[in-house]
PDB file of N, CA and C in Angstrom:
ATOM      1  N   VAL A   1     151.612 -52.473 -69.183  1.00  0.00           N
ATOM      2  CA  VAL A   1     152.863 -53.247 -69.257  1.00  0.00           C
ATOM      3  C   VAL A   1     153.970 -52.353 -69.166  1.00  0.00           C
ATOM      4  N   LEU A   2     153.904 -51.128 -70.016  1.00  0.00           N
ATOM      5  CA  LEU A   2     154.994 -50.190 -69.960  1.00  0.00           C
ATOM      6  C   LEU A   2     155.091 -49.524 -68.515  1.00  0.00           C
ATOM      7  N   PHE A   3     153.996 -49.223 -68.011  1.00  0.00           N
ATOM      8  CA  PHE A   3     154.094 -48.656 -66.642  1.00  0.00           C
ATOM      9  C   PHE A   3     154.766 -49.492 -65.762  1.00  0.00           C
ATOM     10  N   ARG A   4     154.588 -50.880 -65.596  1.00  0.00           N
ATOM     11  CA  ARG A   4     155.264 -51.723 -64.874  1.00  0.00           C
ATOM     12  C   ARG A   4     156.641 -51.837 -65.007  1.00  0.00           C
ATOM     13  N   SER A   5     156.908 -51.838 -66.509  1.00  0.00           N
ATOM     14  CA  SER A   5     158.438 -51.954 -66.843  1.00  0.00           C
ATOM     15  C   SER A   5     159.188 -50.651 -66.269  1.00  0.00           C
ATOM     16  N   GLY A   6     158.577 -49.492 -66.299  1.00  0.00           N
ATOM     17  CA  GLY A   6     159.173 -48.314 -65.913  1.00  0.00           C
ATOM     18  C   GLY A   6     159.474 -48.393 -64.311  1.00  0.00           C
ATOM     19  N   LYS A   7     158.464 -49.061 -63.642  1.00  0.00           N
ATOM     20  CA  LYS A   7     158.571 -49.075 -62.182  1.00  0.00           C
ATOM     21  C   LYS A   7     159.725 -50.104 -61.880  1.00  0.00           C
ATOM     22  N   THR A   8     159.796 -51.064 -62.669  1.00  0.00           N
ATOM     23  CA  THR A   8     160.798 -52.158 -62.561  1.00  0.00           C
ATOM     24  C   THR A   8     162.368 -51.487 -62.704  1.00  0.00           C
ATOM     25  N   LEU A   9     162.370 -50.671 -63.540  1.00  0.00           N
ATOM     26  CA  LEU A   9     163.708 -49.968 -63.873  1.00  0.00           C
ATOM     27  C   LEU A   9     164.008 -48.958 -62.835  1.00  0.00           C
ATOM     28  N   ASP A  10     163.085 -48.333 -62.099  1.00  0.00           N
ATOM     29  CA  ASP A  10     163.512 -47.403 -61.051  1.00  0.00           C
ATOM     30  C   ASP A  10     164.475 -47.806 -60.196  1.00  0.00           C
ATOM     31  N   PRO A  11     164.522 -48.972 -59.610  1.00  0.00           N
ATOM     32  CA  PRO A  11     165.617 -49.298 -58.609  1.00  0.00           C
ATOM     33  C   PRO A  11     166.946 -49.455 -59.406  1.00  0.00           C
ATOM     34  N   ILE A  12     166.979 -49.831 -60.682  1.00  0.00           N
ATOM     35  CA  ILE A  12     168.208 -49.919 -61.529  1.00  0.00           C
ATOM     36  C   ILE A  12     168.720 -48.486 -61.716  1.00  0.00           C
ATOM     37  N   GLN A  13     167.668 -47.551 -62.088  1.00  0.00           N
ATOM     38  CA  GLN A  13     168.112 -46.460 -62.379  1.00  0.00           C
ATOM     39  C   GLN A  13     168.773 -45.633 -61.075  1.00  0.00           C
ATOM     40  N   GLY A  14     168.089 -45.864 -59.985  1.00  0.00           N
ATOM     41  CA  GLY A  14     168.653 -45.353 -58.667  1.00  0.00           C
ATOM     42  C   GLY A  14     170.046 -45.734 -58.351  1.00  0.00           C
ATOM     43  N   MET A  15     170.332 -47.173 -58.621  1.00  0.00           N
ATOM     44  CA  MET A  15     171.652 -47.797 -58.427  1.00  0.00           C
ATOM     45  C   MET A  15     172.668 -47.027 -59.286  1.00  0.00           C
ATOM     46  N   MET A  16     172.251 -46.815 -60.573  1.00  0.00           N
ATOM     47  CA  MET A  16     173.090 -46.250 -61.490  1.00  0.00           C
ATOM     48  C   MET A  16     173.328 -44.898 -61.124  1.00  0.00           C
ATOM     49  N   GLU A  17     172.440 -43.988 -60.691  1.00  0.00           N
ATOM     50  CA  GLU A  17     172.751 -42.673 -60.289  1.00  0.00           C
ATOM     51  C   GLU A  17     173.675 -42.655 -59.020  1.00  0.00           C
ATOM     52  N   SER A  18     173.445 -43.624 -57.979  1.00  0.00           N
ATOM     53  CA  SER A  18     174.263 -43.738 -56.926  1.00  0.00           C
ATOM     54  C   SER A  18     175.639 -44.067 -57.329  1.00  0.00           C
ATOM     55  N   GLN A  19     175.763 -44.878 -58.241  1.00  0.00           N
ATOM     56  CA  GLN A  19     177.106 -45.317 -58.636  1.00  0.00           C
ATOM     57  C   GLN A  19     177.878 -44.134 -59.340  1.00  0.00           C
ATOM     58  N   LYS A  20     177.224 -43.387 -60.225  1.00  0.00           N
ATOM     59  CA  LYS A  20     177.750 -42.169 -60.768  1.00  0.00           C
ATOM     60  C   LYS A  20     178.288 -41.105 -59.748  1.00  0.00           C
ATOM     61  N   GLN A  21     177.271 -40.975 -58.751  1.00  0.00           N
ATOM     62  CA  GLN A  21     177.680 -39.955 -57.657  1.00  0.00           C
ATOM     63  C   GLN A  21     179.093 -40.482 -56.961  1.00  0.00           C
ATOM     64  N   PHE A  22     179.134 -41.877 -56.616  1.00  0.00           N
ATOM     65  CA  PHE A  22     180.188 -42.384 -55.897  1.00  0.00           C
ATOM     66  C   PHE A  22     181.427 -42.296 -56.868  1.00  0.00           C
ATOM     67  N   ILE A  23     181.301 -42.438 -57.944  1.00  0.00           N
ATOM     68  CA  ILE A  23     182.497 -42.387 -58.831  1.00  0.00           C
ATOM     69  C   ILE A  23     182.925 -40.898 -58.783  1.00  0.00           C
ATOM     70  N   GLY A  24     182.120 -40.055 -58.968  1.00  0.00           N
ATOM     71  CA  GLY A  24     182.351 -38.443 -59.034  1.00  0.00           C
ATOM     72  C   GLY A  24     183.057 -38.290 -57.677  1.00  0.00           C
ATOM     73  N   ASP A  25     182.503 -38.692 -56.638  1.00  0.00           N
ATOM     74  CA  ASP A  25     183.072 -38.282 -55.219  1.00  0.00           C
ATOM     75  C   ASP A  25     184.481 -38.992 -55.177  1.00  0.00           C
ATOM     76  N   ALA A  26     184.567 -40.220 -55.541  1.00  0.00           N
ATOM     77  CA  ALA A  26     185.935 -40.862 -55.391  1.00  0.00           C
ATOM     78  C   ALA A  26     187.043 -40.059 -56.263  1.00  0.00           C
ATOM     79  N   SER A  27     186.581 -39.730 -57.563  1.00  0.00           N
ATOM     80  CA  SER A  27     187.416 -38.797 -58.459  1.00  0.00           C
ATOM     81  C   SER A  27     187.947 -37.623 -57.854  1.00  0.00           C
ATOM     82  N   HIS A  28     186.985 -36.890 -57.162  1.00  0.00           N
ATOM     83  CA  HIS A  28     187.276 -35.752 -56.274  1.00  0.00           C
ATOM     84  C   HIS A  28     188.315 -35.970 -55.357  1.00  0.00           C
ATOM     85  N   GLU A  29     187.909 -37.077 -54.690  1.00  0.00           N
ATOM     86  CA  GLU A  29     188.885 -37.510 -53.343  1.00  0.00           C
ATOM     87  C   GLU A  29     190.205 -37.876 -53.887  1.00  0.00           C
ATOM     88  N   LEU A  30     190.417 -38.255 -55.089  1.00  0.00           N
ATOM     89  CA  LEU A  30     191.703 -38.461 -55.631  1.00  0.00           C
ATOM     90  C   LEU A  30     192.395 -37.345 -56.423  1.00  0.00           C
ATOM     91  N   LYS A  31     191.637 -36.635 -56.901  1.00  0.00           N
ATOM     92  CA  LYS A  31     192.129 -35.475 -57.705  1.00  0.00           C
ATOM     93  C   LYS A  31     192.726 -34.293 -56.709  1.00  0.00           C
ATOM     94  N   THR A  32     191.972 -34.181 -55.749  1.00  0.00           N
ATOM     95  CA  THR A  32     192.539 -33.112 -54.636  1.00  0.00           C
ATOM     96  C   THR A  32     193.824 -33.267 -54.139  1.00  0.00           C
ATOM     97  N   PRO A  33     194.109 -34.423 -53.611  1.00  0.00           N
ATOM     98  CA  PRO A  33     195.374 -34.509 -53.234  1.00  0.00           C
ATOM     99  C   PRO A  33     196.462 -34.630 -54.302  1.00  0.00           C
ATOM    100  N   LEU A  34     196.162 -35.194 -55.394  1.00  0.00           N
ATOM    101  CA  LEU A  34     197.075 -35.119 -56.517  1.00  0.00           C
ATOM    102  C   LEU A  34     197.446 -33.677 -56.925  1.00  0.00           C
ATOM    103  N   THR A  35     196.436 -32.843 -56.908  1.00  0.00           N
ATOM    104  CA  THR A  35     196.698 -31.524 -57.259  1.00  0.00           C
ATOM    105  C   THR A  35     197.465 -30.809 -56.279  1.00  0.00           C
ATOM    106  N   SER A  36     197.304 -31.119 -54.959  1.00  0.00           N
ATOM    107  CA  SER A  36     198.151 -30.670 -53.626  1.00  0.00           C
ATOM    108  C   SER A  36     199.391 -31.069 -53.872  1.00  0.00           C
ATOM    109  N   LEU A  37     199.747 -32.459 -54.227  1.00  0.00           N
ATOM    110  CA  LEU A  37     201.191 -32.930 -54.551  1.00  0.00           C
ATOM    111  C   LEU A  37     201.911 -32.148 -55.479  1.00  0.00           C
ATOM    112  N   ARG A  38     201.049 -31.760 -56.673  1.00  0.00           N
ATOM    113  CA  ARG A  38     201.720 -31.267 -57.846  1.00  0.00           C
ATOM    114  C   ARG A  38     202.033 -29.871 -57.501  1.00  0.00           C
ATOM    115  N   ILE A  39     201.305 -29.005 -56.789  1.00  0.00           N
ATOM    116  CA  ILE A  39     201.425 -27.705 -56.437  1.00  0.00           C
ATOM    117  C   ILE A  39     202.622 -27.493 -55.460  1.00  0.00           C
ATOM    118  N   ALA A  40     202.632 -28.325 -54.375  1.00  0.00           N
ATOM    119  CA  ALA A  40     203.648 -28.321 -53.429  1.00  0.00           C
ATOM    120  C   ALA A  40     204.978 -28.610 -54.053  1.00  0.00           C
ATOM    121  N   SER A  41     205.100 -29.508 -54.907  1.00  0.00           N
ATOM    122  CA  SER A  41     206.272 -29.900 -55.565  1.00  0.00           C
ATOM    123  C   SER A  41     206.827 -28.730 -56.397  1.00  0.00           C
ATOM    124  N   GLU A  42     206.098 -28.336 -57.274  1.00  0.00           N
ATOM    125  CA  GLU A  42     206.297 -27.144 -58.090  1.00  0.00           C
ATOM    126  C   GLU A  42     206.720 -25.853 -57.509  1.00  0.00           C
ATOM    127  N   VAL A  43     206.127 -25.622 -56.282  1.00  0.00           N
ATOM    128  CA  VAL A  43     206.464 -24.583 -55.336  1.00  0.00           C
ATOM    129  C   VAL A  43     207.921 -24.745 -54.949  1.00  0.00           C
ATOM    130  N   PHE A  44     208.251 -26.023 -54.380  1.00  0.00           N
ATOM    131  CA  PHE A  44     209.543 -26.339 -53.901  1.00  0.00           C
ATOM    132  C   PHE A  44     210.675 -26.214 -54.991  1.00  0.00           C
ATOM    133  N   LEU A  45     210.210 -26.743 -56.157  1.00  0.00           N
ATOM    134  CA  LEU A  45     211.280 -26.651 -57.362  1.00  0.00           C
ATOM    135  C   LEU A  45     211.488 -25.156 -57.699  1.00  0.00           C
ATOM    136  N   ARG A  46     210.680 -24.111 -57.463  1.00  0.00           N
ATOM    137  CA  ARG A  46     210.779 -22.902 -57.756  1.00  0.00           C
ATOM    138  C   ARG A  46     211.686 -22.096 -56.866  1.00  0.00           C
ATOM    139  N   ASP A  47     211.717 -22.775 -55.463  1.00  0.00           N
ATOM    140  CA  ASP A  47     212.496 -22.114 -54.539  1.00  0.00           C
ATOM    141  C   ASP A  47     214.010 -21.746 -54.791  1.00  0.00           C
ATOM    142  N   LYS A  48     214.373 -20.719 -54.779  1.00  0.00           N
ATOM    143  CA  LYS A  48     215.775 -20.541 -55.196  1.00  0.00           C
ATOM    144  C   LYS A  48     216.766 -21.141 -54.258  1.00  0.00           C
ATOM    145  N   SER A  49     216.395 -21.139 -53.034  1.00  0.00           N
ATOM    146  CA  SER A  49     217.435 -21.857 -52.166  1.00  0.00           C
ATOM    147  C   SER A  49     216.659 -22.697 -51.034  1.00  0.00           C
ATOM    148  N   PRO A  50     216.079 -23.942 -51.572  1.00  0.00           N
ATOM    149  CA  PRO A  50     215.450 -24.779 -50.610  1.00  0.00           C
ATOM    150  C   PRO A  50     216.573 -25.482 -49.741  1.00  0.00           C
ATOM    151  N   THR A  51     216.030 -25.802 -48.646  1.00  0.00           N
ATOM    152  CA  THR A  51     216.887 -26.331 -47.507  1.00  0.00           C
ATOM    153  C   THR A  51     216.446 -27.794 -47.456  1.00  0.00           C
ATOM    154  N   VAL A  52     217.411 -28.576 -46.803  1.00  0.00           N
ATOM    155  CA  VAL A  52     217.129 -30.144 -46.519  1.00  0.00           C
ATOM    156  C   VAL A  52     215.987 -30.328 -45.720  1.00  0.00           C
ATOM    157  N   GLN A  53     215.675 -29.356 -44.729  1.00  0.00           N
ATOM    158  CA  GLN A  53     214.487 -29.371 -43.854  1.00  0.00           C
ATOM    159  C   GLN A  53     213.288 -29.153 -44.732  1.00  0.00           C
ATOM    160  N   ASP A  54     213.392 -28.216 -45.679  1.00  0.00           N
ATOM    161  CA  ASP A  54     212.110 -27.895 -46.514  1.00  0.00           C
ATOM    162  C   ASP A  54     211.845 -29.216 -47.351  1.00  0.00           C
ATOM    163  N   ALA A  55     212.982 -29.842 -47.925  1.00  0.00           N
ATOM    164  CA  ALA A  55     212.679 -31.081 -48.660  1.00  0.00           C
ATOM    165  C   ALA A  55     211.906 -32.107 -47.717  1.00  0.00           C
ATOM    166  N   LYS A  56     212.733 -32.319 -46.485  1.00  0.00           N
ATOM    167  CA  LYS A  56     212.087 -33.303 -45.644  1.00  0.00           C
ATOM    168  C   LYS A  56     210.559 -32.990 -45.349  1.00  0.00           C
ATOM    169  N   VAL A  57     210.161 -31.773 -45.117  1.00  0.00           N
ATOM    170  CA  VAL A  57     208.685 -31.497 -44.864  1.00  0.00           C
ATOM    171  C   VAL A  57     207.884 -31.767 -46.041  1.00  0.00           C
ATOM    172  N   LEU A  58     208.316 -31.347 -47.155  1.00  0.00           N
ATOM    173  CA  LEU A  58     207.597 -31.615 -48.391  1.00  0.00           C
ATOM    174  C   LEU A  58     207.420 -33.164 -48.611  1.00  0.00           C
ATOM    175  N   ILE A  59     208.474 -34.058 -48.391  1.00  0.00           N
ATOM    176  CA  ILE A  59     208.341 -35.399 -48.458  1.00  0.00           C
ATOM    177  C   ILE A  59     207.324 -35.922 -47.573  1.00  0.00           C
ATOM    178  N   GLN A  60     207.396 -35.449 -46.147  1.00  0.00           N
ATOM    179  CA  GLN A  60     206.464 -35.926 -45.242  1.00  0.00           C
ATOM    180  C   GLN A  60     205.110 -35.701 -45.528  1.00  0.00           C
ATOM    181  N   ASP A  61     204.769 -34.508 -46.140  1.00  0.00           N
ATOM    182  CA  ASP A  61     203.546 -34.061 -46.467  1.00  0.00           C
ATOM    183  C   ASP A  61     203.111 -34.836 -47.564  1.00  0.00           C
ATOM    184  N   ASN A  62     203.895 -35.035 -48.682  1.00  0.00           N
ATOM    185  CA  ASN A  62     203.577 -35.891 -49.825  1.00  0.00           C
ATOM    186  C   ASN A  62     203.364 -37.252 -49.284  1.00  0.00           C
ATOM    187  N   LEU A  63     204.056 -37.849 -48.433  1.00  0.00           N
ATOM    188  CA  LEU A  63     203.853 -39.243 -48.015  1.00  0.00           C
ATOM    189  C   LEU A  63     202.402 -39.283 -47.333  1.00  0.00           C
ATOM    190  N   SER A  64     201.991 -38.268 -46.563  1.00  0.00           N
ATOM    191  CA  SER A  64     200.674 -38.271 -45.865  1.00  0.00           C
ATOM    192  C   SER A  64     199.790 -38.356 -46.934  1.00  0.00           C
ATOM    193  N   GLU A  65     199.719 -37.375 -48.054  1.00  0.00           N
ATOM    194  CA  GLU A  65     198.696 -37.370 -49.001  1.00  0.00           C
ATOM    195  C   GLU A  65     198.618 -38.745 -49.776  1.00  0.00           C
ATOM    196  N   ILE A  66     199.853 -39.430 -50.090  1.00  0.00           N
ATOM    197  CA  ILE A  66     199.821 -40.633 -50.688  1.00  0.00           C
ATOM    198  C   ILE A  66     199.144 -41.671 -49.914  1.00  0.00           C
ATOM    199  N   ASP A  67     199.383 -41.727 -48.564  1.00  0.00           N
ATOM    200  CA  ASP A  67     198.785 -42.739 -47.685  1.00  0.00           C
ATOM    201  C   ASP A  67     197.137 -42.590 -47.765  1.00  0.00           C
ATOM    202  N   GLY A  68     196.807 -41.305 -47.850  1.00  0.00           N
ATOM    203  CA  GLY A  68     195.370 -41.191 -47.909  1.00  0.00           C
ATOM    204  C   GLY A  68     194.858 -41.602 -49.284  1.00  0.00           C
ATOM    205  N   MET A  69     195.393 -41.510 -50.401  1.00  0.00           N
ATOM    206  CA  MET A  69     194.976 -41.791 -51.510  1.00  0.00           C
ATOM    207  C   MET A  69     194.988 -43.216 -51.790  1.00  0.00           C
ATOM    208  N   GLN A  70     196.123 -43.905 -51.252  1.00  0.00           N
ATOM    209  CA  GLN A  70     196.405 -45.315 -51.174  1.00  0.00           C
ATOM    210  C   GLN A  70     195.173 -46.003 -50.484  1.00  0.00           C
ATOM    211  N   SER A  71     194.799 -45.454 -49.296  1.00  0.00           N
ATOM    212  CA  SER A  71     193.743 -45.943 -48.456  1.00  0.00           C
ATOM    213  C   SER A  71     192.413 -45.995 -49.274  1.00  0.00           C
ATOM    214  N   LEU A  72     192.023 -44.780 -49.852  1.00  0.00           N
ATOM    215  CA  LEU A  72     191.075 -44.679 -50.759  1.00  0.00           C
ATOM    216  C   LEU A  72     190.913 -45.644 -51.881  1.00  0.00           C
ATOM    217  N   LEU A  73     191.955 -45.837 -52.622  1.00  0.00           N
ATOM    218  CA  LEU A  73     192.033 -46.903 -53.638  1.00  0.00           C
ATOM    219  C   LEU A  73     191.971 -48.297 -53.238  1.00  0.00           C
ATOM    220  N   GLU A  74     192.529 -48.588 -51.949  1.00  0.00           N
ATOM    221  CA  GLU A  74     192.242 -49.914 -51.385  1.00  0.00           C
ATOM    222  C   GLU A  74     190.839 -50.257 -51.038  1.00  0.00           C
ATOM    223  N   THR A  75     190.100 -49.196 -50.667  1.00  0.00           N
ATOM    224  CA  THR A  75     188.647 -49.272 -50.299  1.00  0.00           C
ATOM    225  C   THR A  75     187.848 -49.483 -51.648  1.00  0.00           C
ATOM    226  N   LEU A  76     188.292 -48.837 -52.622  1.00  0.00           N
ATOM    227  CA  LEU A  76     187.710 -48.875 -53.883  1.00  0.00           C
ATOM    228  C   LEU A  76     187.764 -50.379 -54.660  1.00  0.00           C
ATOM    229  N   ILE A  77     189.104 -50.762 -54.312  1.00  0.00           N
ATOM    230  CA  ILE A  77     189.367 -52.307 -54.903  1.00  0.00           C
ATOM    231  C   ILE A  77     188.613 -53.360 -54.126  1.00  0.00           C
ATOM    232  N   GLN A  78     188.573 -52.975 -52.902  1.00  0.00           N
ATOM    233  CA  GLN A  78     187.669 -53.834 -51.964  1.00  0.00           C
ATOM    234  C   GLN A  78     186.180 -53.996 -52.398  1.00  0.00           C
ATOM    235  N   MET A  79     185.698 -52.601 -52.515  1.00  0.00           N
ATOM    236  CA  MET A  79     184.400 -52.602 -52.881  1.00  0.00           C
ATOM    237  C   MET A  79     184.155 -53.253 -54.286  1.00  0.00           C
ATOM    238  N   ASN A  80     185.062 -53.171 -55.149  1.00  0.00           N
ATOM    239  CA  ASN A  80     184.824 -53.692 -56.483  1.00  0.00           C
ATOM    240  C   ASN A  80     184.785 -55.247 -56.419  1.00  0.00           C
ATOM    241  N   LYS A  81     185.682 -55.886 -55.551  1.00  0.00           N
ATOM    242  CA  LYS A  81     185.773 -57.285 -55.348  1.00  0.00           C
ATOM    243  C   LYS A  81     184.577 -57.627 -54.744  1.00  0.00           C
ATOM    244  N   LEU A  82     184.038 -57.094 -53.709  1.00  0.00           N
ATOM    245  CA  LEU A  82     182.676 -57.586 -53.190  1.00  0.00           C
ATOM    246  C   LEU A  82     181.665 -57.482 -54.156  1.00  0.00           C
ATOM    247  N   GLU A  83     181.491 -56.496 -55.004  1.00  0.00           N
ATOM    248  CA  GLU A  83     180.593 -56.493 -55.939  1.00  0.00           C
ATOM    249  C   GLU A  83     180.768 -57.585 -57.144  1.00  0.00           C
ATOM    250  N   TYR A  84     182.083 -57.746 -57.466  1.00  0.00           N
ATOM    251  CA  TYR A  84     182.240 -58.841 -58.376  1.00  0.00           C
ATOM    252  C   TYR A  84     181.831 -60.151 -57.703  1.00  0.00           C
ATOM    253  N   ASP A  85     182.325 -60.451 -56.497  1.00  0.00           N
ATOM    254  CA  ASP A  85     181.927 -61.664 -55.829  1.00  0.00           C
ATOM    255  C   ASP A  85     180.388 -61.872 -55.602  1.00  0.00           C
ATOM    256  N   ARG A  86     179.709 -60.698 -55.484  1.00  0.00           N
ATOM    257  CA  ARG A  86     178.227 -60.854 -55.234  1.00  0.00           C
ATOM    258  C   ARG A  86     177.635 -61.268 -56.704  1.00  0.00           C
ATOM    259  N   LYS A  87     178.243 -60.784 -57.760  1.00  0.00           N
ATOM    260  CA  LYS A  87     177.610 -61.108 -59.075  1.00  0.00           C
ATOM    261  C   LYS A  87     177.883 -62.365 -59.301  1.00  0.00           C
ATOM    262  N   GLU A  88     179.131 -62.943 -59.017  1.00  0.00           N
ATOM    263  CA  GLU A  88     179.387 -64.383 -59.162  1.00  0.00           C
ATOM    264  C   GLU A  88     178.297 -65.204 -58.396  1.00  0.00           C
ATOM    265  N   ILE A  89     178.048 -65.007 -57.173  1.00  0.00           N
ATOM    266  CA  ILE A  89     177.217 -65.671 -56.476  1.00  0.00           C
ATOM    267  C   ILE A  89     175.668 -65.639 -57.149  1.00  0.00           C
ATOM    268  N   VAL A  90     175.393 -64.554 -57.558  1.00  0.00           N
ATOM    269  CA  VAL A  90     174.057 -64.517 -58.243  1.00  0.00           C
ATOM    270  C   VAL A  90     173.924 -65.208 -59.606  1.00  0.00           C
ATOM    271  N   LEU A  91     175.002 -65.185 -60.293  1.00  0.00           N
ATOM    272  CA  LEU A  91     175.134 -65.774 -61.622  1.00  0.00           C
ATOM    273  C   LEU A  91     175.178 -67.316 -61.218  1.00  0.00           C
ATOM    274  N   ASN A  92     175.731 -67.889 -60.362  1.00  0.00           N
ATOM    275  CA  ASN A  92     175.900 -69.320 -59.988  1.00  0.00           C
ATOM    276  C   ASN A  92     174.613 -69.764 -59.429  1.00  0.00           C
ATOM    277  N   GLU A  93     173.778 -68.834 -58.891  1.00  0.00           N
ATOM    278  CA  GLU A  93     172.524 -69.363 -58.395  1.00  0.00           C
ATOM    279  C   GLU A  93     171.475 -69.690 -59.584  1.00  0.00           C
ATOM    280  N   HIS A  94     171.638 -68.973 -60.597  1.00  0.00           N
ATOM    281  CA  HIS A  94     170.913 -69.141 -61.730  1.00  0.00           C
ATOM    282  C   HIS A  94     171.241 -70.311 -62.754  1.00  0.00           C
ATOM    283  N   VAL A  95     172.350 -70.933 -62.479  1.00  0.00           N
ATOM    284  CA  VAL A  95     172.886 -71.970 -63.251  1.00  0.00           C
ATOM    285  C   VAL A  95     172.300 -73.438 -62.768  1.00  0.00           C
TER     286      VAL A  95
END
């Protein structure tokens, strides 16, 4: 019986590992652009004579990074919603 229960848990453990990997990847994908935004902003603030053009370039670059992070977050929200909806369907089938 223990052997069978171990086999039954294998898919669940695999899903948990995949989820941990995905969360790690997503965290990295968000942390990298945040770090880039911080560094670029700090460098700009240390500049003794920044120009308006420098500020515009920084803001454009920052907006591009923000767009990427927003896209990733929207994907994560959609994935979470799909997972939640799937769980709702499964729970309703058992009722």
